[in-house]
Protein backbone atom coordinates (compact mmCIF):
# COMPACT_ATOMS: atom_id res chain seq x y z
CA MET A 1 -21.64 39.07 -30.65
CA LYS A 2 -19.05 37.04 -32.55
CA ALA A 3 -16.18 39.12 -33.91
CA SER A 4 -14.29 37.99 -36.96
CA LEU A 5 -10.79 36.55 -36.73
CA ILE A 6 -9.27 39.75 -38.16
CA TYR A 7 -10.94 41.87 -35.47
CA ARG A 8 -9.71 39.51 -32.79
CA LEU A 9 -6.16 39.73 -34.08
CA ARG A 10 -6.28 43.56 -34.21
CA GLY A 11 -8.14 43.83 -30.91
CA PHE A 12 -11.47 45.56 -30.23
CA VAL A 13 -13.27 47.40 -27.43
CA HIS A 14 -16.88 47.32 -26.24
CA LEU A 15 -17.95 50.92 -25.46
CA GLU A 16 -20.93 52.62 -23.88
CA VAL A 17 -21.40 56.19 -25.27
CA THR A 18 -23.43 58.85 -23.42
CA GLY A 19 -24.44 62.20 -24.86
CA GLY A 20 -27.13 64.29 -26.58
CA LYS A 21 -25.95 64.04 -30.18
CA LEU A 22 -25.70 60.30 -30.59
CA GLU A 23 -27.24 60.21 -34.07
CA HIS A 24 -24.73 62.82 -35.23
CA LEU A 25 -21.92 60.78 -33.72
CA VAL A 26 -23.06 57.63 -35.54
CA ASN A 27 -23.19 59.52 -38.83
CA ARG A 28 -19.70 60.91 -38.30
CA LEU A 29 -18.39 57.39 -37.56
CA SER A 30 -19.81 56.23 -40.86
CA GLN A 31 -18.34 59.23 -42.71
CA LYS A 32 -14.89 58.52 -41.25
CA ARG A 33 -15.23 54.87 -42.34
CA MET A 34 -14.37 53.57 -38.90
CA SER A 35 -14.64 49.86 -38.08
CA VAL A 36 -17.69 50.04 -35.82
CA TRP A 37 -20.38 47.37 -35.47
CA ASP A 38 -23.25 46.11 -33.36
CA ILE A 39 -24.53 49.61 -32.50
CA ARG A 40 -27.44 49.41 -30.07
CA TYR A 41 -29.53 52.14 -28.40
CA LEU A 42 -29.83 51.51 -24.70
CA ASP A 43 -32.05 54.57 -24.24
CA LYS A 44 -32.32 58.11 -25.71
CA GLU A 45 -28.96 59.19 -24.32
CA ARG A 46 -26.96 55.93 -24.35
CA ILE A 47 -25.71 53.57 -27.02
CA SER A 48 -23.32 50.60 -27.01
CA LEU A 49 -20.99 49.66 -29.83
CA TYR A 50 -17.83 47.76 -30.72
CA VAL A 51 -14.80 49.44 -32.29
CA THR A 52 -11.34 48.20 -33.26
CA VAL A 53 -8.32 49.37 -31.26
CA PRO A 54 -6.84 51.56 -34.08
CA ASP A 55 -10.19 53.37 -34.59
CA PHE A 56 -10.67 53.72 -30.83
CA PHE A 57 -7.82 56.25 -30.79
CA ARG A 58 -9.52 58.21 -33.63
CA LEU A 59 -12.69 58.73 -31.58
CA ARG A 60 -11.47 61.64 -29.47
CA PRO A 61 -12.10 64.47 -31.99
CA LEU A 62 -15.59 63.14 -32.74
CA LEU A 63 -16.43 62.91 -29.04
CA LYS A 64 -15.43 66.53 -28.54
CA GLU A 65 -17.45 67.54 -31.59
CA THR A 66 -20.64 65.85 -30.32
CA GLY A 67 -20.04 66.37 -26.61
CA SER A 68 -20.23 62.64 -25.87
CA LEU A 69 -18.58 60.57 -23.17
CA ILE A 70 -17.46 56.96 -23.36
CA ARG A 71 -17.04 54.15 -20.87
CA ILE A 72 -15.05 51.02 -21.70
CA LYS A 73 -17.01 47.92 -20.77
CA GLU A 74 -14.82 45.16 -22.24
CA LYS A 75 -11.47 44.64 -24.00
CA ARG A 76 -10.90 41.68 -26.26
CA GLY A 77 -8.40 40.39 -28.80
CA PHE A 78 -4.78 39.42 -29.24
CA PRO A 79 -3.13 42.71 -28.08
CA PHE A 80 -4.92 42.58 -24.71
CA TRP A 81 -4.03 38.90 -24.30
CA LEU A 82 -0.36 39.77 -24.87
CA ASP A 83 -0.65 42.53 -22.32
CA LYS A 84 -1.94 40.04 -19.72
CA LEU A 85 0.88 37.65 -20.51
CA GLU A 86 3.41 40.43 -20.11
CA ARG A 87 2.11 41.03 -16.61
CA ARG A 88 2.40 37.28 -15.93
CA LYS A 89 5.83 36.63 -17.37
CA PHE A 90 6.72 33.69 -15.18
CA PHE A 91 3.45 31.93 -15.95
CA ALA A 92 3.92 32.50 -19.68
CA ILE A 93 7.53 31.30 -19.55
CA GLY A 94 6.50 28.21 -17.58
CA LEU A 95 3.66 27.42 -19.98
CA LEU A 96 5.95 27.84 -22.97
CA GLY A 97 8.61 25.68 -21.32
CA PHE A 98 6.06 22.97 -20.58
CA VAL A 99 4.84 22.91 -24.18
CA ILE A 100 8.42 22.82 -25.49
CA GLY A 101 9.32 20.06 -23.02
CA ILE A 102 6.36 17.90 -24.07
CA TYR A 103 7.24 18.42 -27.72
CA LEU A 104 10.89 17.49 -27.16
CA LEU A 105 9.91 14.37 -25.20
CA SER A 106 7.60 13.32 -28.02
CA GLN A 107 10.57 13.49 -30.41
CA LEU A 108 12.69 11.09 -28.33
CA VAL A 109 12.77 7.30 -28.28
CA LEU A 110 11.70 6.54 -24.71
CA GLN A 111 11.48 2.74 -24.95
CA VAL A 112 12.85 -0.02 -27.18
CA ARG A 113 10.86 -3.26 -26.87
CA VAL A 114 11.62 -6.68 -28.35
CA GLU A 115 8.84 -9.17 -29.19
CA GLY A 116 8.79 -12.72 -30.50
CA ASN A 117 12.27 -13.89 -29.47
CA GLU A 118 12.69 -17.14 -27.55
CA THR A 119 16.20 -18.50 -28.15
CA ILE A 120 17.89 -15.24 -29.19
CA GLN A 121 18.70 -13.16 -26.12
CA THR A 122 16.98 -9.78 -25.81
CA GLU A 123 20.29 -8.12 -24.90
CA GLN A 124 21.82 -9.39 -28.15
CA ILE A 125 18.96 -7.89 -30.19
CA LEU A 126 19.14 -4.57 -28.32
CA GLN A 127 22.92 -4.43 -28.91
CA ALA A 128 22.39 -4.96 -32.65
CA ALA A 129 19.73 -2.22 -32.61
CA LYS A 130 22.09 0.15 -30.77
CA GLN A 131 24.72 -0.34 -33.45
CA GLN A 132 22.10 0.89 -35.95
CA GLY A 133 21.30 3.96 -33.81
CA VAL A 134 18.18 2.61 -32.09
CA TYR A 135 18.38 3.13 -28.33
CA ARG A 136 16.63 5.03 -25.52
CA LEU A 137 16.79 8.86 -25.61
CA GLN A 138 17.72 8.85 -29.30
CA TRP A 139 16.07 11.52 -31.50
CA LYS A 140 13.45 9.99 -33.76
CA PHE A 141 14.48 12.10 -36.74
CA LYS A 142 17.94 10.46 -36.58
CA LEU A 143 16.51 6.97 -37.05
CA LYS A 144 16.90 5.25 -40.40
CA GLU A 145 13.92 3.98 -42.34
CA PRO A 146 12.31 0.91 -40.69
CA SER A 147 12.97 -1.26 -43.76
CA GLU A 148 16.66 -0.29 -43.75
CA LEU A 149 16.90 -1.01 -40.02
CA SER A 150 15.29 -4.42 -40.52
CA ARG A 151 17.77 -5.44 -43.23
CA ALA A 152 20.79 -4.24 -41.25
CA MET A 153 19.74 -6.00 -38.04
CA GLN A 154 18.89 -9.24 -39.84
CA SER A 155 22.42 -9.33 -41.28
CA GLN A 156 23.75 -9.03 -37.72
CA LEU A 157 21.46 -11.77 -36.34
CA PRO A 158 21.68 -14.84 -38.59
CA ALA A 159 19.52 -16.85 -36.15
CA ALA A 160 16.54 -14.63 -37.04
CA ALA A 161 14.46 -15.49 -40.11
CA TRP A 162 12.79 -12.05 -40.18
CA ILE A 163 13.07 -8.80 -38.22
CA GLY A 164 10.55 -5.96 -38.36
CA VAL A 165 11.02 -2.50 -36.86
CA GLU A 166 7.99 -0.33 -36.04
CA VAL A 167 7.97 3.16 -34.52
CA ARG A 168 4.92 3.73 -32.30
CA GLY A 169 5.00 7.25 -30.94
CA THR A 170 7.91 7.34 -28.49
CA HIS A 171 8.30 3.53 -28.56
CA VAL A 172 10.28 1.40 -31.02
CA VAL A 173 9.04 -2.19 -31.31
CA ILE A 174 11.40 -4.81 -32.76
CA LYS A 175 9.53 -7.95 -33.86
CA VAL A 176 11.59 -11.09 -34.35
CA VAL A 177 10.74 -14.34 -36.13
CA GLU A 178 13.40 -16.89 -35.31
CA ALA A 179 14.72 -19.35 -37.86
CA THR A 180 13.73 -22.97 -37.24
CA ILE A 181 16.89 -25.04 -37.13
CA PRO A 182 16.34 -28.80 -36.83
CA GLU A 183 17.96 -30.25 -33.76
CA LYS A 184 20.69 -32.76 -34.41
CA PRO A 185 20.40 -35.78 -32.14
CA PRO A 186 23.48 -36.07 -29.94
CA LEU A 187 25.92 -38.84 -30.76
CA MET A 188 25.67 -41.41 -27.97
CA ASN A 189 27.92 -44.31 -27.09
CA PRO A 190 26.39 -47.76 -26.53
CA ARG A 191 24.92 -48.07 -23.05
CA HIS A 192 22.69 -50.06 -20.69
CA LEU A 193 19.70 -48.93 -18.69
CA VAL A 194 20.30 -49.77 -15.03
CA ALA A 195 18.29 -49.38 -11.82
CA SER A 196 18.74 -46.05 -10.05
CA LYS A 197 17.27 -47.38 -6.77
CA HIS A 198 16.32 -50.57 -4.97
CA ALA A 199 12.85 -51.34 -6.31
CA LEU A 200 10.28 -53.93 -7.32
CA VAL A 201 9.83 -53.82 -11.12
CA THR A 202 6.21 -53.31 -12.15
CA GLU A 203 6.51 -52.45 -15.84
CA ILE A 204 9.25 -52.75 -18.48
CA PHE A 205 9.21 -51.74 -22.15
CA ALA A 206 12.36 -51.91 -24.29
CA GLU A 207 12.49 -49.73 -27.43
CA LYS A 208 16.10 -50.70 -28.13
CA GLY A 209 18.11 -53.35 -26.36
CA ARG A 210 17.26 -56.56 -24.55
CA PRO A 211 15.09 -56.68 -21.38
CA ALA A 212 17.19 -58.16 -18.56
CA VAL A 213 14.46 -58.45 -15.91
CA LYS A 214 10.74 -59.21 -15.74
CA PRO A 215 7.86 -57.55 -13.88
CA ASN A 216 7.53 -58.44 -10.16
CA THR A 217 11.31 -58.82 -9.93
CA TYR A 218 13.23 -57.19 -7.09
CA VAL A 219 16.30 -55.26 -8.31
CA ARG A 220 19.09 -53.44 -6.53
CA LYS A 221 20.67 -50.14 -7.45
CA GLY A 222 22.97 -50.65 -10.45
CA ASP A 223 21.34 -53.85 -11.76
CA ILE A 224 20.92 -53.95 -15.55
CA LEU A 225 17.28 -53.50 -16.59
CA ILE A 226 17.61 -53.21 -20.38
CA SER A 227 20.89 -54.44 -21.81
CA GLY A 228 22.67 -52.68 -24.65
CA MET A 229 24.18 -55.99 -25.79
CA ILE A 230 22.05 -57.83 -28.33
CA GLY A 231 22.62 -61.02 -30.33
CA ASP A 232 24.15 -64.35 -29.36
CA GLU A 233 27.68 -65.20 -28.21
CA LEU A 234 28.96 -65.43 -31.78
CA HIS A 235 27.19 -62.40 -33.19
CA GLN A 236 26.96 -59.67 -30.55
CA GLN A 237 26.25 -56.00 -31.17
CA THR A 238 26.12 -53.01 -28.85
CA VAL A 239 23.33 -50.45 -29.10
CA VAL A 240 22.07 -47.44 -27.15
CA ALA A 241 19.48 -49.08 -24.91
CA SER A 242 16.24 -47.11 -24.56
CA GLY A 243 12.82 -47.70 -23.08
CA THR A 244 10.83 -47.25 -19.88
CA VAL A 245 11.08 -49.19 -16.65
CA LYS A 246 8.86 -48.50 -13.67
CA GLY A 247 9.10 -49.94 -10.19
CA VAL A 248 7.87 -49.53 -6.66
CA VAL A 249 10.33 -47.71 -4.39
CA TRP A 250 10.02 -47.48 -0.59
CA TYR A 251 10.50 -44.19 1.27
CA LYS A 252 10.43 -43.42 5.01
CA PRO A 253 10.28 -39.61 5.36
CA THR A 254 9.88 -37.82 8.70
CA VAL A 255 7.56 -34.80 8.96
CA GLU A 256 7.02 -32.02 11.51
CA VAL A 257 3.67 -30.17 11.58
CA PRO A 258 3.02 -27.30 14.05
CA LEU A 259 -0.23 -27.47 16.01
CA VAL A 260 -0.82 -23.74 15.50
CA ARG A 261 -1.65 -22.17 12.10
CA GLN A 262 -0.84 -18.49 11.42
CA TYR A 263 -2.79 -16.30 8.98
CA LYS A 264 -3.04 -12.59 8.12
CA VAL A 265 -5.98 -10.37 9.08
CA TYR A 266 -6.53 -6.78 7.90
CA THR A 267 -7.31 -4.39 10.76
CA GLY A 268 -8.96 -1.76 8.53
CA GLU A 269 -6.31 0.89 9.26
CA SER A 270 -4.44 2.23 6.24
CA LYS A 271 -2.34 5.13 4.96
CA GLN A 272 -2.31 6.69 1.49
CA ARG A 273 0.86 7.83 -0.28
CA SER A 274 1.08 9.48 -3.70
CA TYR A 275 4.03 9.96 -6.05
CA LEU A 276 4.58 11.98 -9.22
CA VAL A 277 6.41 9.62 -11.60
CA LEU A 278 8.90 11.07 -14.09
CA GLY A 279 10.43 8.32 -16.20
CA SER A 280 11.77 5.67 -13.79
CA ARG A 281 11.84 7.97 -10.77
CA GLY A 282 9.11 9.08 -8.40
CA VAL A 283 8.70 12.18 -6.25
CA GLN A 284 6.47 11.80 -3.19
CA VAL A 285 3.79 14.49 -2.99
CA SER A 286 1.58 13.26 -0.15
CA GLY A 287 1.53 10.82 2.76
CA TYR A 288 4.79 11.93 4.36
CA GLY A 289 6.06 10.50 7.63
CA LYS A 290 6.67 7.01 8.97
CA VAL A 291 4.06 4.30 8.65
CA PRO A 292 2.57 3.86 12.14
CA PHE A 293 1.97 0.13 11.68
CA GLY A 294 4.11 -2.82 12.69
CA GLN A 295 3.20 -5.21 9.89
CA THR A 296 1.87 -3.92 6.57
CA GLU A 297 0.85 -4.90 3.05
CA THR A 298 1.04 -2.39 0.18
CA ILE A 299 -1.21 -2.17 -2.90
CA GLN A 300 0.02 0.04 -5.76
CA GLU A 301 -1.90 1.63 -8.62
CA ARG A 302 -0.05 3.45 -11.41
CA LYS A 303 -1.50 5.70 -14.11
CA THR A 304 0.47 7.02 -17.10
CA LEU A 305 -0.42 10.02 -19.24
CA SER A 306 -0.93 9.41 -22.94
CA TRP A 307 -1.86 11.54 -25.90
CA ARG A 308 -3.19 9.80 -29.00
CA SER A 309 -0.63 7.04 -29.69
CA TYR A 310 2.06 8.68 -27.55
CA THR A 311 2.78 7.35 -24.07
CA LEU A 312 4.34 10.14 -22.03
CA PRO A 313 6.98 9.43 -19.34
CA ILE A 314 4.81 11.20 -16.78
CA GLY A 315 2.42 9.43 -14.45
CA TRP A 316 0.91 9.09 -11.02
CA LEU A 317 1.50 6.33 -8.47
CA SER A 318 -0.87 5.73 -5.57
CA GLU A 319 0.05 3.46 -2.69
CA LYS A 320 -2.28 2.10 -0.04
CA VAL A 321 -0.39 0.82 2.99
CA MET A 322 -2.70 -1.43 5.03
CA GLU A 323 -2.06 -2.70 8.55
CA VAL A 324 -2.17 -6.47 9.01
CA GLU A 325 -2.03 -8.67 12.07
CA LEU A 326 -0.89 -12.27 12.38
CA GLN A 327 -3.39 -14.41 14.23
CA GLU A 328 -2.98 -17.98 15.39
CA GLN A 329 -5.47 -20.82 15.20
CA PRO A 330 -4.96 -24.17 16.93
CA ILE A 331 -5.10 -27.29 14.74
CA ASP A 332 -6.54 -30.63 15.80
CA PRO A 333 -3.82 -33.35 15.96
CA LYS A 334 -5.75 -35.50 13.46
CA GLU A 335 -5.87 -32.62 11.01
CA ALA A 336 -2.15 -32.01 11.58
CA SER A 337 -1.46 -35.68 10.80
CA SER A 338 -3.42 -35.38 7.54
CA VAL A 339 -1.51 -32.22 6.60
CA GLY A 340 1.81 -33.92 7.42
CA LEU A 341 0.97 -36.95 5.31
CA THR A 342 0.00 -34.71 2.36
CA GLU A 343 3.26 -32.74 2.68
CA ALA A 344 5.31 -35.97 2.81
CA LYS A 345 3.66 -37.30 -0.36
CA ALA A 346 4.11 -33.99 -2.18
CA GLN A 347 7.78 -33.86 -1.21
CA ILE A 348 8.50 -37.41 -2.36
CA LEU A 349 6.54 -37.11 -5.62
CA SER A 350 8.33 -33.87 -6.45
CA ALA A 351 11.70 -35.59 -6.03
CA ALA A 352 10.58 -38.72 -7.91
CA GLY A 353 9.77 -36.79 -11.10
CA GLY A 354 6.89 -36.81 -13.57
CA GLY A 355 4.63 -39.85 -13.79
CA ALA A 356 5.28 -40.96 -10.21
CA ARG A 357 2.34 -42.02 -8.06
CA VAL A 358 1.83 -43.20 -4.49
CA VAL A 359 0.78 -46.86 -4.39
CA SER A 360 0.31 -47.13 -0.61
CA GLU A 361 0.92 -45.08 2.52
CA LYS A 362 1.26 -45.91 6.20
CA ILE A 363 2.10 -43.93 9.33
CA LEU A 364 4.79 -45.89 11.20
CA HIS A 365 5.22 -43.60 14.20
CA GLU A 366 3.47 -40.47 15.44
CA LYS A 367 3.84 -38.29 18.56
CA ALA A 368 2.82 -34.78 19.65
CA GLU A 369 5.15 -32.69 21.82
CA ASN A 370 6.47 -29.12 22.07
CA GLY A 371 3.53 -27.81 20.03
CA LYS A 372 4.27 -30.04 17.01
CA VAL A 373 3.26 -33.41 15.59
CA TYR A 374 6.22 -35.63 14.62
CA MET A 375 5.54 -38.40 12.10
CA GLU A 376 7.46 -41.18 10.38
CA VAL A 377 5.70 -42.36 7.21
CA LEU A 378 6.19 -45.34 4.90
CA LEU A 379 5.35 -44.61 1.27
CA GLU A 380 5.37 -47.01 -1.67
CA VAL A 381 5.84 -44.97 -4.85
CA GLU A 382 5.75 -46.23 -8.42
CA GLU A 383 8.22 -44.25 -10.52
CA SER A 384 10.70 -44.50 -13.35
CA ILE A 385 13.84 -46.26 -12.08
CA ALA A 386 15.96 -46.52 -15.27
CA VAL A 387 19.18 -44.50 -15.73
CA GLU A 388 21.83 -44.75 -18.42
CA GLN A 389 25.20 -46.46 -17.95
CA PRO A 390 27.80 -46.47 -20.76
CA ILE A 391 29.12 -49.83 -21.91
CA VAL A 392 32.85 -49.96 -21.26
CA PRO A 393 34.70 -52.10 -23.87
């Protein structure tokens, strides 16, 4: 039986009536115009029916008149629900407080995010937004219109070509398009390009200036490679020398490589910990006590509650703390030598800069003692050797 909304608001009762004059009782209910429905005969002396709460209290005279008895089988509707809540005051208060809390949180700005900026600092944009009333824990109804916020912030940030403000649930997203300002080339005094290291020149290309050396020429540190003085003795002019000069440089690094390699192994033992996350803080709810492992590795998994487009500041963080052991594996001396040579080349190439390459390599000295391999290596590296030197009048 589906009662109407009005009956549910007023409340109704499911009754079982027993007696010998049931037909007379039904007629009297109709004469009194009581709100009774779904009358069913269970047998000759029993019927079931539904009656509203106000008419339930009008049944007593009719029951006496017909000599009938009633038994309440079910109570439904808003009045009975309120009665249950009254007996569970703390639950009702907690539920109401939770609903109010969620509503209030949904009316706050919980995060201000900046997108699209590269040269303009995020802190500078957030400070401009704060001056316009956009900051964390601000009420959303106090915010100005997004178009008004965009205009005001753009006037504060002249380096931005366009600023857009978008409110997404409890988040405010500030999108920035930076103005493209052409870079002015720095004013430079006339200068030479000189050798930064002792080297054998392999390649020289002068964009501006006069080449002072040729390929396959040995140069010392400080020698002029591309001169900033052009012209003859009578008509000389100074320019900012530019170009590329490459040469072979010799390095003799020393390397130490241990003969034992360490690596991590998971033992299979682990411990679970769980946290209830409220904003930026977490409350541990399980996995108490110290971790009974010496060396560990932790994997975290975080879940955040969301409703429609709203991201709530409530979530769940699970941690899995796994026990690990360090195990050792001996390395063959030949393999250690190969590893040492690779490390030496990587170290030298990193210091030499982009475009450098190893032309030749040779192990000058090698010995194994105290659990390590000691090596002295000779490397020939082709790299850029030109640096600037101002021309002093």
